[in-house]
Amino acid sequence: MVRISYKPVEELVILEMVEYDLRELAETCVLLIDSGRPTILTWAEGVAFYHQPLPFNTKELLKERMRGRIYWASVIYASMPEFVPGLKVGARDIPVLATPNLVLAQVAAWLKERLQGS
């Protein structure tokens, strides 16, 4: 029988984060899409965000992951109190996914605490 283990993330390090209003976030996502980057916004806890993880392509980052730590190069986010499955900018549709992922929901709650005006 195969032994199966689960090693959840213990720490997430965000290297850069920028808050936008929802319209600016959607417009920024259009720029990402136009540059060839697949872009889906994540939604949880009244916050929409897009993150750019650092890939595990170095021994150091892989070791960090094995220790339970992951890194995001950046996250952009905005308040979005109610979930909608997509945002429209001109002819572009930006998909929004309500995440069932516990880590992403915790990130959203953490970002919500940092929203300007909160």
PDB file of N, CA and C in Angstrom:
ATOM      1  N   MET A   1       0.845  -1.186   0.000  1.00  0.00           N
ATOM      2  CA  MET A   1       0.000   0.000   0.000  1.00  0.00           C
ATOM      3  C   MET A   1       0.888   1.246   0.000  1.00  0.00           C
ATOM      4  N   VAL A   2       0.503   2.227  -0.760  1.00  0.00           N
ATOM      5  CA  VAL A   2       1.235   3.490  -0.843  1.00  0.00           C
ATOM      6  C   VAL A   2       0.910   4.348   0.369  1.00  0.00           C
ATOM      7  N   ARG A   3       1.932   4.912   0.968  1.00  0.00           N
ATOM      8  CA  ARG A   3       1.738   5.845   2.077  1.00  0.00           C
ATOM      9  C   ARG A   3       1.512   7.232   1.482  1.00  0.00           C
ATOM     10  N   ILE A   4       0.474   7.896   1.910  1.00  0.00           N
ATOM     11  CA  ILE A   4       0.158   9.231   1.414  1.00  0.00           C
ATOM     12  C   ILE A   4       0.296  10.211   2.564  1.00  0.00           C
ATOM     13  N   SER A   5       1.010  11.313   2.294  1.00  0.00           N
ATOM     14  CA  SER A   5       1.201  12.361   3.294  1.00  0.00           C
ATOM     15  C   SER A   5       0.654  13.669   2.754  1.00  0.00           C
ATOM     16  N   TYR A   6       0.291  14.533   3.649  1.00  0.00           N
ATOM     17  CA  TYR A   6      -0.159  15.870   3.280  1.00  0.00           C
ATOM     18  C   TYR A   6       0.677  16.867   4.058  1.00  0.00           C
ATOM     19  N   LYS A   7       1.328  17.785   3.355  1.00  0.00           N
ATOM     20  CA  LYS A   7       2.169  18.802   3.992  1.00  0.00           C
ATOM     21  C   LYS A   7       1.592  20.166   3.643  1.00  0.00           C
ATOM     22  N   PRO A   8       0.686  20.674   4.464  1.00  0.00           N
ATOM     23  CA  PRO A   8       0.072  21.960   4.142  1.00  0.00           C
ATOM     24  C   PRO A   8       1.052  23.122   4.314  1.00  0.00           C
ATOM     25  N   VAL A   9       0.699  24.220   3.695  1.00  0.00           N
ATOM     26  CA  VAL A   9       1.485  25.443   3.826  1.00  0.00           C
ATOM     27  C   VAL A   9       1.398  25.920   5.270  1.00  0.00           C
ATOM     28  N   GLU A  10       2.541  26.282   5.830  1.00  0.00           N
ATOM     29  CA  GLU A  10       2.576  26.823   7.183  1.00  0.00           C
ATOM     30  C   GLU A  10       2.768  28.332   7.178  1.00  0.00           C
ATOM     31  N   GLU A  11       3.409  28.839   6.124  1.00  0.00           N
ATOM     32  CA  GLU A  11       3.638  30.281   6.019  1.00  0.00           C
ATOM     33  C   GLU A  11       3.639  30.683   4.549  1.00  0.00           C
ATOM     34  N   LEU A  12       3.010  31.809   4.277  1.00  0.00           N
ATOM     35  CA  LEU A  12       3.003  32.392   2.937  1.00  0.00           C
ATOM     36  C   LEU A  12       3.659  33.763   3.043  1.00  0.00           C
ATOM     37  N   VAL A  13       4.691  33.985   2.247  1.00  0.00           N
ATOM     38  CA  VAL A  13       5.410  35.258   2.243  1.00  0.00           C
ATOM     39  C   VAL A  13       5.044  35.994   0.961  1.00  0.00           C
ATOM     40  N   ILE A  14       4.463  37.186   1.108  1.00  0.00           N
ATOM     41  CA  ILE A  14       4.101  38.020  -0.038  1.00  0.00           C
ATOM     42  C   ILE A  14       5.158  39.107  -0.157  1.00  0.00           C
ATOM     43  N   LEU A  15       5.821  39.150  -1.308  1.00  0.00           N
ATOM     44  CA  LEU A  15       6.923  40.093  -1.487  1.00  0.00           C
ATOM     45  C   LEU A  15       6.454  41.482  -1.903  1.00  0.00           C
ATOM     46  N   GLU A  16       5.340  41.572  -2.610  1.00  0.00           N
ATOM     47  CA  GLU A  16       4.807  42.872  -3.015  1.00  0.00           C
ATOM     48  C   GLU A  16       3.299  42.773  -3.111  1.00  0.00           C
ATOM     49  N   MET A  17       2.597  43.806  -2.645  1.00  0.00           N
ATOM     50  CA  MET A  17       1.144  43.811  -2.753  1.00  0.00           C
ATOM     51  C   MET A  17       0.663  45.220  -3.040  1.00  0.00           C
ATOM     52  N   VAL A  18      -0.362  45.297  -3.888  1.00  0.00           N
ATOM     53  CA  VAL A  18      -0.911  46.590  -4.287  1.00  0.00           C
ATOM     54  C   VAL A  18      -2.430  46.507  -4.227  1.00  0.00           C
ATOM     55  N   GLU A  19      -3.021  47.464  -3.520  1.00  0.00           N
ATOM     56  CA  GLU A  19      -4.478  47.548  -3.458  1.00  0.00           C
ATOM     57  C   GLU A  19      -4.976  48.480  -4.560  1.00  0.00           C
ATOM     58  N   TYR A  20      -6.025  48.064  -5.230  1.00  0.00           N
ATOM     59  CA  TYR A  20      -6.692  48.867  -6.252  1.00  0.00           C
ATOM     60  C   TYR A  20      -8.162  48.997  -5.880  1.00  0.00           C
ATOM     61  N   ASP A  21      -8.868  49.903  -6.561  1.00  0.00           N
ATOM     62  CA  ASP A  21     -10.321  49.786  -6.504  1.00  0.00           C
ATOM     63  C   ASP A  21     -10.684  48.709  -7.529  1.00  0.00           C
ATOM     64  N   LEU A  22     -11.904  48.221  -7.479  1.00  0.00           N
ATOM     65  CA  LEU A  22     -12.269  47.050  -8.282  1.00  0.00           C
ATOM     66  C   LEU A  22     -12.115  47.309  -9.781  1.00  0.00           C
ATOM     67  N   ARG A  23     -12.458  48.494 -10.229  1.00  0.00           N
ATOM     68  CA  ARG A  23     -12.334  48.823 -11.660  1.00  0.00           C
ATOM     69  C   ARG A  23     -10.866  48.788 -12.086  1.00  0.00           C
ATOM     70  N   GLU A  24      -9.988  49.383 -11.276  1.00  0.00           N
ATOM     71  CA  GLU A  24      -8.550  49.379 -11.594  1.00  0.00           C
ATOM     72  C   GLU A  24      -7.993  47.959 -11.605  1.00  0.00           C
ATOM     73  N   LEU A  25      -8.454  47.138 -10.674  1.00  0.00           N
ATOM     74  CA  LEU A  25      -8.000  45.746 -10.642  1.00  0.00           C
ATOM     75  C   LEU A  25      -8.395  45.034 -11.936  1.00  0.00           C
ATOM     76  N   ALA A  26      -9.634  45.224 -12.365  1.00  0.00           N
ATOM     77  CA  ALA A  26     -10.095  44.594 -13.608  1.00  0.00           C
ATOM     78  C   ALA A  26      -9.292  45.103 -14.803  1.00  0.00           C
ATOM     79  N   GLU A  27      -9.022  46.401 -14.855  1.00  0.00           N
ATOM     80  CA  GLU A  27      -8.240  46.969 -15.962  1.00  0.00           C
ATOM     81  C   GLU A  27      -6.806  46.431 -15.958  1.00  0.00           C
ATOM     82  N   THR A  28      -6.239  46.256 -14.786  1.00  0.00           N
ATOM     83  CA  THR A  28      -4.897  45.680 -14.683  1.00  0.00           C
ATOM     84  C   THR A  28      -4.905  44.235 -15.172  1.00  0.00           C
ATOM     85  N   CYS A  29      -5.959  43.501 -14.855  1.00  0.00           N
ATOM     86  CA  CYS A  29      -6.076  42.119 -15.332  1.00  0.00           C
ATOM     87  C   CYS A  29      -6.152  42.063 -16.855  1.00  0.00           C
ATOM     88  N   VAL A  30      -6.816  43.032 -17.470  1.00  0.00           N
ATOM     89  CA  VAL A  30      -6.866  43.089 -18.935  1.00  0.00           C
ATOM     90  C   VAL A  30      -5.455  43.243 -19.491  1.00  0.00           C
ATOM     91  N   LEU A  31      -4.649  44.088 -18.864  1.00  0.00           N
ATOM     92  CA  LEU A  31      -3.254  44.246 -19.305  1.00  0.00           C
ATOM     93  C   LEU A  31      -2.494  42.931 -19.190  1.00  0.00           C
ATOM     94  N   LEU A  32      -2.720  42.199 -18.110  1.00  0.00           N
ATOM     95  CA  LEU A  32      -2.065  40.898 -17.937  1.00  0.00           C
ATOM     96  C   LEU A  32      -2.500  39.925 -19.029  1.00  0.00           C
ATOM     97  N   ILE A  33      -3.790  39.903 -19.306  1.00  0.00           N
ATOM     98  CA  ILE A  33      -4.310  39.019 -20.355  1.00  0.00           C
ATOM     99  C   ILE A  33      -3.719  39.404 -21.705  1.00  0.00           C
ATOM    100  N   ASP A  34      -3.675  40.707 -21.983  1.00  0.00           N
ATOM    101  CA  ASP A  34      -3.123  41.176 -23.262  1.00  0.00           C
ATOM    102  C   ASP A  34      -1.645  40.832 -23.413  1.00  0.00           C
ATOM    103  N   SER A  35      -0.945  40.693 -22.293  1.00  0.00           N
ATOM    104  CA  SER A  35       0.475  40.321 -22.363  1.00  0.00           C
ATOM    105  C   SER A  35       0.664  38.806 -22.462  1.00  0.00           C
ATOM    106  N   GLY A  36      -0.457  38.074 -22.521  1.00  0.00           N
ATOM    107  CA  GLY A  36      -0.374  36.627 -22.700  1.00  0.00           C
ATOM    108  C   GLY A  36      -0.439  35.822 -21.423  1.00  0.00           C
ATOM    109  N   ARG A  37      -0.713  36.461 -20.308  1.00  0.00           N
ATOM    110  CA  ARG A  37      -0.761  35.756 -19.032  1.00  0.00           C
ATOM    111  C   ARG A  37      -2.207  35.350 -18.715  1.00  0.00           C
ATOM    112  N   PRO A  38      -2.485  34.067 -18.579  1.00  0.00           N
ATOM    113  CA  PRO A  38      -3.839  33.658 -18.191  1.00  0.00           C
ATOM    114  C   PRO A  38      -4.181  34.264 -16.830  1.00  0.00           C
ATOM    115  N   THR A  39      -5.338  34.879 -16.728  1.00  0.00           N
ATOM    116  CA  THR A  39      -5.678  35.609 -15.508  1.00  0.00           C
ATOM    117  C   THR A  39      -7.094  35.289 -15.065  1.00  0.00           C
ATOM    118  N   ILE A  40      -7.207  34.782 -13.859  1.00  0.00           N
ATOM    119  CA  ILE A  40      -8.489  34.551 -13.206  1.00  0.00           C
ATOM    120  C   ILE A  40      -8.382  35.175 -11.827  1.00  0.00           C
ATOM    121  N   LEU A  41      -9.356  35.995 -11.471  1.00  0.00           N
ATOM    122  CA  LEU A  41      -9.366  36.570 -10.129  1.00  0.00           C
ATOM    123  C   LEU A  41      -9.909  35.545  -9.136  1.00  0.00           C
ATOM    124  N   THR A  42      -9.330  35.542  -7.966  1.00  0.00           N
ATOM    125  CA  THR A  42      -9.809  34.705  -6.871  1.00  0.00           C
ATOM    126  C   THR A  42     -10.668  35.577  -5.967  1.00  0.00           C
ATOM    127  N   TRP A  43     -11.779  35.033  -5.485  1.00  0.00           N
ATOM    128  CA  TRP A  43     -12.651  35.779  -4.577  1.00  0.00           C
ATOM    129  C   TRP A  43     -12.913  34.955  -3.326  1.00  0.00           C
ATOM    130  N   ALA A  44     -12.828  35.633  -2.176  1.00  0.00           N
ATOM    131  CA  ALA A  44     -13.224  35.065  -0.884  1.00  0.00           C
ATOM    132  C   ALA A  44     -13.291  36.210   0.113  1.00  0.00           C
ATOM    133  N   GLU A  45     -14.099  36.069   1.118  1.00  0.00           N
ATOM    134  CA  GLU A  45     -14.141  37.020   2.234  1.00  0.00           C
ATOM    135  C   GLU A  45     -14.329  38.474   1.805  1.00  0.00           C
ATOM    136  N   GLY A  46     -15.004  38.703   0.678  1.00  0.00           N
ATOM    137  CA  GLY A  46     -15.254  40.069   0.232  1.00  0.00           C
ATOM    138  C   GLY A  46     -14.081  40.740  -0.456  1.00  0.00           C
ATOM    139  N   VAL A  47     -13.107  39.936  -0.907  1.00  0.00           N
ATOM    140  CA  VAL A  47     -11.916  40.469  -1.579  1.00  0.00           C
ATOM    141  C   VAL A  47     -11.676  39.678  -2.862  1.00  0.00           C
ATOM    142  N   ALA A  48     -11.355  40.412  -3.938  1.00  0.00           N
ATOM    143  CA  ALA A  48     -10.926  39.784  -5.193  1.00  0.00           C
ATOM    144  C   ALA A  48      -9.433  40.032  -5.322  1.00  0.00           C
ATOM    145  N   PHE A  49      -8.693  39.002  -5.740  1.00  0.00           N
ATOM    146  CA  PHE A  49      -7.249  39.189  -5.877  1.00  0.00           C
ATOM    147  C   PHE A  49      -6.670  38.273  -6.945  1.00  0.00           C
ATOM    148  N   TYR A  50      -5.483  38.677  -7.394  1.00  0.00           N
ATOM    149  CA  TYR A  50      -4.698  37.892  -8.344  1.00  0.00           C
ATOM    150  C   TYR A  50      -3.295  37.795  -7.768  1.00  0.00           C
ATOM    151  N   HIS A  51      -2.756  36.594  -7.726  1.00  0.00           N
ATOM    152  CA  HIS A  51      -1.410  36.434  -7.166  1.00  0.00           C
ATOM    153  C   HIS A  51      -0.469  35.805  -8.183  1.00  0.00           C
ATOM    154  N   GLN A  52       0.793  36.143  -8.026  1.00  0.00           N
ATOM    155  CA  GLN A  52       1.852  35.607  -8.883  1.00  0.00           C
ATOM    156  C   GLN A  52       2.834  34.856  -7.984  1.00  0.00           C
ATOM    157  N   PRO A  53       2.727  33.534  -7.913  1.00  0.00           N
ATOM    158  CA  PRO A  53       3.645  32.784  -7.050  1.00  0.00           C
ATOM    159  C   PRO A  53       5.045  32.712  -7.648  1.00  0.00           C
ATOM    160  N   LEU A  54       6.028  32.583  -6.789  1.00  0.00           N
ATOM    161  CA  LEU A  54       7.375  32.276  -7.262  1.00  0.00           C
ATOM    162  C   LEU A  54       7.412  30.777  -7.534  1.00  0.00           C
ATOM    163  N   PRO A  55       7.869  30.367  -8.701  1.00  0.00           N
ATOM    164  CA  PRO A  55       7.900  28.935  -9.021  1.00  0.00           C
ATOM    165  C   PRO A  55       8.970  28.209  -8.202  1.00  0.00           C
ATOM    166  N   PHE A  56       8.762  26.935  -8.006  1.00  0.00           N
ATOM    167  CA  PHE A  56       9.734  26.116  -7.267  1.00  0.00           C
ATOM    168  C   PHE A  56      10.827  25.643  -8.217  1.00  0.00           C
ATOM    169  N   ASN A  57      11.480  26.578  -8.896  1.00  0.00           N
ATOM    170  CA  ASN A  57      12.473  26.198  -9.905  1.00  0.00           C
ATOM    171  C   ASN A  57      13.912  26.359  -9.431  1.00  0.00           C
ATOM    172  N   THR A  58      14.083  26.605  -8.140  1.00  0.00           N
ATOM    173  CA  THR A  58      15.434  26.612  -7.578  1.00  0.00           C
ATOM    174  C   THR A  58      15.452  25.674  -6.381  1.00  0.00           C
ATOM    175  N   LYS A  59      16.623  25.183  -6.051  1.00  0.00           N
ATOM    176  CA  LYS A  59      16.736  24.293  -4.892  1.00  0.00           C
ATOM    177  C   LYS A  59      16.302  24.995  -3.613  1.00  0.00           C
ATOM    178  N   GLU A  60      16.631  26.289  -3.508  1.00  0.00           N
ATOM    179  CA  GLU A  60      16.291  27.036  -2.298  1.00  0.00           C
ATOM    180  C   GLU A  60      14.776  27.139  -2.113  1.00  0.00           C
ATOM    181  N   LEU A  61      14.066  27.482  -3.196  1.00  0.00           N
ATOM    182  CA  LEU A  61      12.613  27.604  -3.083  1.00  0.00           C
ATOM    183  C   LEU A  61      11.948  26.254  -2.845  1.00  0.00           C
ATOM    184  N   LEU A  62      12.483  25.209  -3.433  1.00  0.00           N
ATOM    185  CA  LEU A  62      11.943  23.877  -3.193  1.00  0.00           C
ATOM    186  C   LEU A  62      12.160  23.470  -1.731  1.00  0.00           C
ATOM    187  N   LYS A  63      13.329  23.788  -1.189  1.00  0.00           N
ATOM    188  CA  LYS A  63      13.588  23.497   0.233  1.00  0.00           C
ATOM    189  C   LYS A  63      12.632  24.272   1.130  1.00  0.00           C
ATOM    190  N   GLU A  64      12.389  25.534   0.779  1.00  0.00           N
ATOM    191  CA  GLU A  64      11.448  26.345   1.553  1.00  0.00           C
ATOM    192  C   GLU A  64      10.058  25.705   1.540  1.00  0.00           C
ATOM    193  N   ARG A  65       9.635  25.225   0.384  1.00  0.00           N
ATOM    194  CA  ARG A  65       8.320  24.588   0.292  1.00  0.00           C
ATOM    195  C   ARG A  65       8.264  23.334   1.145  1.00  0.00           C
ATOM    196  N   MET A  66       9.343  22.577   1.148  1.00  0.00           N
ATOM    197  CA  MET A  66       9.377  21.366   1.970  1.00  0.00           C
ATOM    198  C   MET A  66       9.292  21.708   3.459  1.00  0.00           C
ATOM    199  N   ARG A  67       9.716  22.915   3.815  1.00  0.00           N
ATOM    200  CA  ARG A  67       9.614  23.387   5.208  1.00  0.00           C
ATOM    201  C   ARG A  67       8.249  24.007   5.499  1.00  0.00           C
ATOM    202  N   GLY A  68       7.393  24.076   4.471  1.00  0.00           N
ATOM    203  CA  GLY A  68       6.056  24.620   4.680  1.00  0.00           C
ATOM    204  C   GLY A  68       5.903  26.087   4.327  1.00  0.00           C
ATOM    205  N   ARG A  69       6.901  26.673   3.684  1.00  0.00           N
ATOM    206  CA  ARG A  69       6.852  28.099   3.349  1.00  0.00           C
ATOM    207  C   ARG A  69       6.796  28.275   1.835  1.00  0.00           C
ATOM    208  N   ILE A  70       5.859  29.101   1.369  1.00  0.00           N
ATOM    209  CA  ILE A  70       5.796  29.446  -0.046  1.00  0.00           C
ATOM    210  C   ILE A  70       5.892  30.962  -0.190  1.00  0.00           C
ATOM    211  N   TYR A  71       6.277  31.383  -1.396  1.00  0.00           N
ATOM    212  CA  TYR A  71       6.464  32.804  -1.682  1.00  0.00           C
ATOM    213  C   TYR A  71       5.603  33.210  -2.862  1.00  0.00           C
ATOM    214  N   TRP A  72       5.000  34.377  -2.744  1.00  0.00           N
ATOM    215  CA  TRP A  72       4.334  35.013  -3.862  1.00  0.00           C
ATOM    216  C   TRP A  72       5.144  36.241  -4.227  1.00  0.00           C
ATOM    217  N   ALA A  73       5.457  36.401  -5.499  1.00  0.00           N
ATOM    218  CA  ALA A  73       6.168  37.596  -5.951  1.00  0.00           C
ATOM    219  C   ALA A  73       5.282  38.818  -5.756  1.00  0.00           C
ATOM    220  N   SER A  74       3.984  38.661  -6.042  1.00  0.00           N
ATOM    221  CA  SER A  74       3.088  39.809  -5.902  1.00  0.00           C
ATOM    222  C   SER A  74       1.643  39.355  -5.764  1.00  0.00           C
ATOM    223  N   VAL A  75       0.855  40.258  -5.204  1.00  0.00           N
ATOM    224  CA  VAL A  75      -0.596  40.084  -5.161  1.00  0.00           C
ATOM    225  C   VAL A  75      -1.217  41.460  -5.390  1.00  0.00           C
ATOM    226  N   ILE A  76      -2.222  41.494  -6.259  1.00  0.00           N
ATOM    227  CA  ILE A  76      -3.004  42.711  -6.461  1.00  0.00           C
ATOM    228  C   ILE A  76      -4.425  42.384  -6.015  1.00  0.00           C
ATOM    229  N   TYR A  77      -5.088  43.351  -5.383  1.00  0.00           N
ATOM    230  CA  TYR A  77      -6.369  43.028  -4.767  1.00  0.00           C
ATOM    231  C   TYR A  77      -7.266  44.256  -4.662  1.00  0.00           C
ATOM    232  N   ALA A  78      -8.551  43.985  -4.453  1.00  0.00           N
ATOM    233  CA  ALA A  78      -9.540  45.044  -4.283  1.00  0.00           C
ATOM    234  C   ALA A  78     -10.713  44.509  -3.469  1.00  0.00           C
ATOM    235  N   SER A  79     -11.391  45.424  -2.823  1.00  0.00           N
ATOM    236  CA  SER A  79     -12.624  45.066  -2.134  1.00  0.00           C
ATOM    237  C   SER A  79     -13.676  44.679  -3.169  1.00  0.00           C
ATOM    238  N   MET A  80     -14.362  43.579  -2.899  1.00  0.00           N
ATOM    239  CA  MET A  80     -15.472  43.133  -3.747  1.00  0.00           C
ATOM    240  C   MET A  80     -16.453  42.424  -2.816  1.00  0.00           C
ATOM    241  N   PRO A  81     -17.289  43.213  -2.120  1.00  0.00           N
ATOM    242  CA  PRO A  81     -18.135  42.647  -1.060  1.00  0.00           C
ATOM    243  C   PRO A  81     -19.008  41.475  -1.498  1.00  0.00           C
ATOM    244  N   GLU A  82     -19.571  41.552  -2.697  1.00  0.00           N
ATOM    245  CA  GLU A  82     -20.443  40.486  -3.189  1.00  0.00           C
ATOM    246  C   GLU A  82     -19.760  39.749  -4.333  1.00  0.00           C
ATOM    247  N   PHE A  83     -19.878  38.437  -4.332  1.00  0.00           N
ATOM    248  CA  PHE A  83     -19.300  37.635  -5.411  1.00  0.00           C
ATOM    249  C   PHE A  83     -20.088  37.814  -6.699  1.00  0.00           C
ATOM    250  N   VAL A  84     -19.373  37.996  -7.794  1.00  0.00           N
ATOM    251  CA  VAL A  84     -19.932  37.915  -9.149  1.00  0.00           C
ATOM    252  C   VAL A  84     -18.976  37.033  -9.944  1.00  0.00           C
ATOM    253  N   PRO A  85     -19.480  36.220 -10.866  1.00  0.00           N
ATOM    254  CA  PRO A  85     -18.612  35.265 -11.565  1.00  0.00           C
ATOM    255  C   PRO A  85     -17.697  35.873 -12.618  1.00  0.00           C
ATOM    256  N   GLY A  86     -17.839  37.171 -12.864  1.00  0.00           N
ATOM    257  CA  GLY A  86     -16.957  37.799 -13.840  1.00  0.00           C
ATOM    258  C   GLY A  86     -17.083  39.308 -13.814  1.00  0.00           C
ATOM    259  N   LEU A  87     -16.032  39.968 -14.275  1.00  0.00           N
ATOM    260  CA  LEU A  87     -16.022  41.421 -14.426  1.00  0.00           C
ATOM    261  C   LEU A  87     -15.820  41.724 -15.899  1.00  0.00           C
ATOM    262  N   LYS A  88     -16.396  42.819 -16.359  1.00  0.00           N
ATOM    263  CA  LYS A  88     -16.290  43.178 -17.767  1.00  0.00           C
ATOM    264  C   LYS A  88     -15.555  44.506 -17.886  1.00  0.00           C
ATOM    265  N   VAL A  89     -14.574  44.538 -18.796  1.00  0.00           N
ATOM    266  CA  VAL A  89     -13.854  45.763 -19.133  1.00  0.00           C
ATOM    267  C   VAL A  89     -13.891  45.860 -20.650  1.00  0.00           C
ATOM    268  N   GLY A  90     -14.698  46.775 -21.163  1.00  0.00           N
ATOM    269  CA  GLY A  90     -14.880  46.840 -22.611  1.00  0.00           C
ATOM    270  C   GLY A  90     -15.433  45.513 -23.109  1.00  0.00           C
ATOM    271  N   ALA A  91     -14.760  44.950 -24.093  1.00  0.00           N
ATOM    272  CA  ALA A  91     -15.179  43.652 -24.642  1.00  0.00           C
ATOM    273  C   ALA A  91     -14.580  42.475 -23.878  1.00  0.00           C
ATOM    274  N   ARG A  92     -13.740  42.757 -22.904  1.00  0.00           N
ATOM    275  CA  ARG A  92     -13.034  41.694 -22.161  1.00  0.00           C
ATOM    276  C   ARG A  92     -13.818  41.242 -20.941  1.00  0.00           C
ATOM    277  N   ASP A  93     -13.796  39.938 -20.725  1.00  0.00           N
ATOM    278  CA  ASP A  93     -14.380  39.348 -19.523  1.00  0.00           C
ATOM    279  C   ASP A  93     -13.256  38.829 -18.644  1.00  0.00           C
ATOM    280  N   ILE A  94     -13.293  39.205 -17.383  1.00  0.00           N
ATOM    281  CA  ILE A  94     -12.321  38.711 -16.405  1.00  0.00           C
ATOM    282  C   ILE A  94     -13.059  37.705 -15.524  1.00  0.00           C
ATOM    283  N   PRO A  95     -12.722  36.421 -15.605  1.00  0.00           N
ATOM    284  CA  PRO A  95     -13.400  35.448 -14.751  1.00  0.00           C
ATOM    285  C   PRO A  95     -13.015  35.629 -13.280  1.00  0.00           C
ATOM    286  N   VAL A  96     -13.986  35.370 -12.411  1.00  0.00           N
ATOM    287  CA  VAL A  96     -13.772  35.440 -10.965  1.00  0.00           C
ATOM    288  C   VAL A  96     -14.197  34.097 -10.391  1.00  0.00           C
ATOM    289  N   LEU A  97     -13.322  33.493  -9.617  1.00  0.00           N
ATOM    290  CA  LEU A  97     -13.580  32.182  -9.030  1.00  0.00           C
ATOM    291  C   LEU A  97     -13.713  32.313  -7.516  1.00  0.00           C
ATOM    292  N   ALA A  98     -14.847  31.892  -6.984  1.00  0.00           N
ATOM    293  CA  ALA A  98     -15.018  31.828  -5.530  1.00  0.00           C
ATOM    294  C   ALA A  98     -14.269  30.587  -5.069  1.00  0.00           C
ATOM    295  N   THR A  99     -13.183  30.788  -4.366  1.00  0.00           N
ATOM    296  CA  THR A  99     -12.298  29.670  -4.052  1.00  0.00           C
ATOM    297  C   THR A  99     -12.784  28.836  -2.871  1.00  0.00           C
ATOM    298  N   PRO A 100     -12.687  27.521  -2.995  1.00  0.00           N
ATOM    299  CA  PRO A 100     -12.921  26.651  -1.854  1.00  0.00           C
ATOM    300  C   PRO A 100     -11.624  26.374  -1.077  1.00  0.00           C
ATOM    301  N   ASN A 101     -10.493  26.906  -1.579  1.00  0.00           N
ATOM    302  CA  ASN A 101      -9.178  26.638  -0.999  1.00  0.00           C
ATOM    303  C   ASN A 101      -9.011  27.399   0.314  1.00  0.00           C
ATOM    304  N   LEU A 102      -8.714  26.684   1.382  1.00  0.00           N
ATOM    305  CA  LEU A 102      -8.601  27.291   2.708  1.00  0.00           C
ATOM    306  C   LEU A 102      -7.471  28.316   2.782  1.00  0.00           C
ATOM    307  N   VAL A 103      -6.330  28.026   2.183  1.00  0.00           N
ATOM    308  CA  VAL A 103      -5.199  28.969   2.220  1.00  0.00           C
ATOM    309  C   VAL A 103      -5.576  30.263   1.508  1.00  0.00           C
ATOM    310  N   LEU A 104      -6.182  30.155   0.329  1.00  0.00           N
ATOM    311  CA  LEU A 104      -6.568  31.358  -0.410  1.00  0.00           C
ATOM    312  C   LEU A 104      -7.636  32.150   0.338  1.00  0.00           C
ATOM    313  N   ALA A 105      -8.550  31.474   1.007  1.00  0.00           N
ATOM    314  CA  ALA A 105      -9.555  32.169   1.816  1.00  0.00           C
ATOM    315  C   ALA A 105      -8.893  32.898   2.985  1.00  0.00           C
ATOM    316  N   GLN A 106      -7.872  32.292   3.578  1.00  0.00           N
ATOM    317  CA  GLN A 106      -7.146  32.959   4.663  1.00  0.00           C
ATOM    318  C   GLN A 106      -6.386  34.176   4.145  1.00  0.00           C
ATOM    319  N   VAL A 107      -5.820  34.063   2.949  1.00  0.00           N
ATOM    320  CA  VAL A 107      -5.151  35.212   2.326  1.00  0.00           C
ATOM    321  C   VAL A 107      -6.163  36.333   2.123  1.00  0.00           C
ATOM    322  N   ALA A 108      -7.339  36.000   1.606  1.00  0.00           N
ATOM    323  CA  ALA A 108      -8.369  37.014   1.373  1.00  0.00           C
ATOM    324  C   ALA A 108      -8.755  37.711   2.676  1.00  0.00           C
ATOM    325  N   ALA A 109      -8.925  36.959   3.742  1.00  0.00           N
ATOM    326  CA  ALA A 109      -9.258  37.557   5.039  1.00  0.00           C
ATOM    327  C   ALA A 109      -8.132  38.473   5.515  1.00  0.00           C
ATOM    328  N   TRP A 110      -6.886  38.062   5.319  1.00  0.00           N
ATOM    329  CA  TRP A 110      -5.722  38.863   5.707  1.00  0.00           C
ATOM    330  C   TRP A 110      -5.678  40.151   4.894  1.00  0.00           C
ATOM    331  N   LEU A 111      -5.929  40.042   3.577  1.00  0.00           N
ATOM    332  CA  LEU A 111      -5.952  41.234   2.720  1.00  0.00           C
ATOM    333  C   LEU A 111      -7.095  42.164   3.117  1.00  0.00           C
ATOM    334  N   LYS A 112      -8.236  41.596   3.453  1.00  0.00           N
ATOM    335  CA  LYS A 112      -9.398  42.403   3.845  1.00  0.00           C
ATOM    336  C   LYS A 112      -9.071  43.274   5.051  1.00  0.00           C
ATOM    337  N   GLU A 113      -8.302  42.740   5.987  1.00  0.00           N
ATOM    338  CA  GLU A 113      -7.895  43.512   7.165  1.00  0.00           C
ATOM    339  C   GLU A 113      -7.024  44.705   6.789  1.00  0.00           C
ATOM    340  N   ARG A 114      -6.394  44.646   5.628  1.00  0.00           N
ATOM    341  CA  ARG A 114      -5.464  45.686   5.204  1.00  0.00           C
ATOM    342  C   ARG A 114      -6.062  46.657   4.189  1.00  0.00           C
ATOM    343  N   LEU A 115      -7.328  46.455   3.831  1.00  0.00           N
ATOM    344  CA  LEU A 115      -7.973  47.362   2.880  1.00  0.00           C
ATOM    345  C   LEU A 115      -8.014  48.774   3.448  1.00  0.00           C
ATOM    346  N   GLN A 116      -7.724  49.752   2.613  1.00  0.00           N
ATOM    347  CA  GLN A 116      -7.819  51.145   3.032  1.00  0.00           C
ATOM    348  C   GLN A 116      -9.276  51.447   3.359  1.00  0.00           C
ATOM    349  N   GLY A 117      -9.486  52.161   4.430  1.00  0.00           N
ATOM    350  CA  GLY A 117     -10.853  52.499   4.814  1.00  0.00           C
ATOM    351  C   GLY A 117     -11.524  51.440   5.664  1.00  0.00           C
ATOM    352  N   SER A 118     -10.801  50.342   5.956  1.00  0.00           N
ATOM    353  CA  SER A 118     -11.395  49.302   6.810  1.00  0.00           C
ATOM    354  C   SER A 118     -11.159  49.620   8.264  1.00  0.00           C
TER     355      SER A 118
END
